[in-house]
Protein backbone atom coordinates (compact mmCIF):
# COMPACT_ATOMS: atom_id res chain seq x y z
CA UNK A 1 -9.56 -10.97 34.50
CA UNK A 2 -9.89 -8.58 31.57
CA UNK A 3 -7.39 -8.89 28.71
CA UNK A 4 -6.95 -6.08 26.22
CA UNK A 5 -6.49 -7.49 22.72
CA UNK A 6 -5.71 -4.31 20.79
CA UNK A 7 -2.84 -1.89 20.94
CA UNK A 8 -2.83 0.24 24.08
CA UNK A 9 -1.77 3.85 23.77
CA UNK A 10 -1.90 7.17 25.55
CA UNK A 11 -0.57 10.59 24.70
CA UNK A 12 3.04 9.77 25.57
CA UNK A 13 3.67 6.17 24.53
CA UNK A 14 2.38 2.87 23.22
CA UNK A 15 3.72 -0.65 23.28
CA UNK A 16 2.97 -4.16 22.10
CA UNK A 17 4.36 -7.69 22.30
CA UNK A 18 3.97 -10.35 19.62
CA UNK A 19 5.59 -13.64 18.73
CA UNK A 20 6.54 -13.47 15.09
CA UNK A 21 8.93 -11.84 12.66
CA UNK A 22 9.97 -8.36 11.63
CA UNK A 23 10.50 -7.42 8.01
CA UNK A 24 12.36 -4.43 6.62
CA UNK A 25 10.99 -2.61 3.58
CA UNK A 26 13.24 -4.55 1.17
CA UNK A 27 11.68 -7.78 2.45
CA UNK A 28 8.22 -6.21 2.22
CA UNK A 29 8.90 -5.32 -1.43
CA UNK A 30 10.07 -8.87 -2.18
CA UNK A 31 6.93 -10.26 -0.55
CA UNK A 32 4.76 -7.80 -2.49
CA UNK A 33 6.22 -9.16 -5.73
CA UNK A 34 5.57 -12.72 -4.57
CA UNK A 35 1.96 -11.80 -3.67
CA UNK A 36 1.37 -10.32 -7.13
CA UNK A 37 1.03 -6.62 -6.36
CA UNK A 38 1.33 -4.35 -9.40
CA UNK A 39 4.89 -4.22 -10.61
CA UNK A 40 4.57 -0.55 -11.62
CA UNK A 41 4.01 0.37 -7.98
CA UNK A 42 7.08 -1.58 -6.94
CA UNK A 43 9.26 -0.08 -9.68
CA UNK A 44 8.09 3.42 -8.76
CA UNK A 45 8.99 2.77 -5.13
CA UNK A 46 12.45 1.44 -6.07
CA UNK A 47 13.12 4.42 -8.37
CA UNK A 48 12.35 6.82 -5.54
CA UNK A 49 14.74 4.87 -3.32
CA UNK A 50 17.54 5.38 -5.88
CA UNK A 51 16.80 9.12 -6.20
CA UNK A 52 16.93 9.71 -2.47
CA UNK A 53 20.50 9.93 -1.12
CA UNK A 54 19.50 10.01 2.53
CA UNK A 55 16.77 7.40 2.27
CA UNK A 56 15.36 6.19 5.60
CA UNK A 57 12.90 3.59 4.28
CA UNK A 58 9.80 5.56 5.26
CA UNK A 59 8.72 7.28 2.06
CA UNK A 60 4.99 7.39 1.32
CA UNK A 61 5.14 4.75 -1.44
CA UNK A 62 6.98 2.28 0.78
CA UNK A 63 4.52 2.93 3.59
CA UNK A 64 1.56 2.35 1.25
CA UNK A 65 3.16 -0.85 -0.03
CA UNK A 66 3.70 -2.00 3.56
CA UNK A 67 0.04 -1.28 4.31
CA UNK A 68 -1.02 -3.47 1.36
CA UNK A 69 1.19 -6.29 2.64
CA UNK A 70 -0.16 -5.65 6.15
CA UNK A 71 -3.72 -6.13 4.83
CA UNK A 72 -2.66 -9.50 3.40
CA UNK A 73 -1.33 -10.59 6.81
CA UNK A 74 -4.51 -9.44 8.55
CA UNK A 75 -6.58 -11.51 6.12
CA UNK A 76 -4.45 -14.50 7.14
CA UNK A 77 -5.35 -13.96 10.81
CA UNK A 78 -2.08 -12.39 11.90
CA UNK A 79 -1.47 -9.23 13.92
CA UNK A 80 0.70 -6.55 12.31
CA UNK A 81 2.23 -3.18 13.03
CA UNK A 82 3.79 -0.90 10.44
CA UNK A 83 6.17 1.53 12.07
CA UNK A 84 7.42 4.80 10.66
CA UNK A 85 9.42 7.78 11.87
CA UNK A 86 12.89 6.23 11.83
CA UNK A 87 11.86 2.59 12.08
CA UNK A 88 11.48 0.86 8.73
CA UNK A 89 9.92 -2.40 9.90
CA UNK A 90 6.64 -4.23 9.74
CA UNK A 91 6.04 -6.64 12.61
CA UNK A 92 3.98 -9.75 11.91
CA UNK A 93 2.78 -12.36 14.38
CA UNK A 94 0.31 -12.95 17.17
CA UNK A 95 0.10 -11.58 20.67
CA UNK A 96 0.15 -13.87 23.69
CA UNK A 97 -3.59 -13.20 24.16
CA UNK A 98 -4.17 -15.22 20.97
CA UNK A 99 -2.99 -18.41 22.63
CA UNK A 100 -5.75 -21.01 22.84
CA UNK A 101 -6.81 -22.41 26.23
CA UNK A 102 -5.50 -25.90 25.47
CA UNK A 103 -2.35 -24.73 23.67
CA UNK A 104 1.15 -24.89 25.12
CA UNK A 105 3.63 -22.09 24.52
CA UNK A 106 5.57 -24.36 22.12
CA UNK A 107 2.35 -25.22 20.23
CA UNK A 108 1.47 -21.52 20.04
CA UNK A 109 4.90 -20.65 18.62
CA UNK A 110 4.65 -23.45 16.02
CA UNK A 111 1.15 -22.28 15.03
CA UNK A 112 2.32 -18.70 14.55
CA UNK A 113 5.34 -19.82 12.52
CA UNK A 114 3.07 -21.97 10.32
CA UNK A 115 0.67 -19.04 9.76
CA UNK A 116 3.56 -16.77 8.80
CA UNK A 117 5.05 -19.42 6.50
CA UNK A 118 1.70 -19.77 4.73
CA UNK A 119 1.14 -16.00 4.52
CA UNK A 120 4.62 -15.34 3.12
CA UNK A 121 4.49 -18.35 0.80
CA UNK A 122 7.88 -19.31 2.19
CA UNK A 123 9.50 -22.61 1.28
CA UNK A 124 11.92 -22.44 4.20
CA UNK A 125 11.29 -22.85 7.92
CA UNK A 126 10.16 -19.67 9.66
CA UNK A 127 11.80 -19.00 13.02
CA UNK A 128 9.87 -16.45 15.02
CA UNK A 129 10.95 -14.48 18.06
CA UNK A 130 9.28 -12.49 20.81
CA UNK A 131 9.05 -8.84 19.80
CA UNK A 132 8.37 -6.20 22.43
CA UNK A 133 8.24 -2.63 21.18
CA UNK A 134 7.75 0.63 23.05
CA UNK A 135 7.12 3.83 21.14
CA UNK A 136 7.36 7.20 22.81
CA UNK A 137 5.89 10.42 21.42
C-alpha cells in the first residue's frame, strides 16, 4: 500500500489531517516573542494591526512571522500549515502517517503533544485534537 506523506492538491481543492493544535496570529506572535524573534518585527506587525480597522489577520508581516514560527516547528519534527485568505491560523502537529509501527493511537497522541509542548516551550499540558481541513479554490 502506498501512503502519501505530503499535502495532496489539485486545481480545485486540497486537504490534510493532523493531530495537533491550531494557533491564531495572536498566539503566533506570543510564541515568536518567547522564541526570541526580533522585537522590532513584532512591534511593526502590531502597529499595522492597530492601523487597520478591518483587520483579518492575514497581512504580509503576520504571514512572514507565521512562516518564521512554522520553520521553528519544522525543525522540531512537526508538520505545519499556514493558511491565509480568510483563515488566520497555523496548524501544528503530525499526520497519521507519522505513527510508528509499534505505537498505539494513544501513544502517538501523547508523543505529538510532547513535541508541541517542547516546541512551544509551554509549561502547561498541551491537549491536541484531530484537525481535518479542506480548502477549495
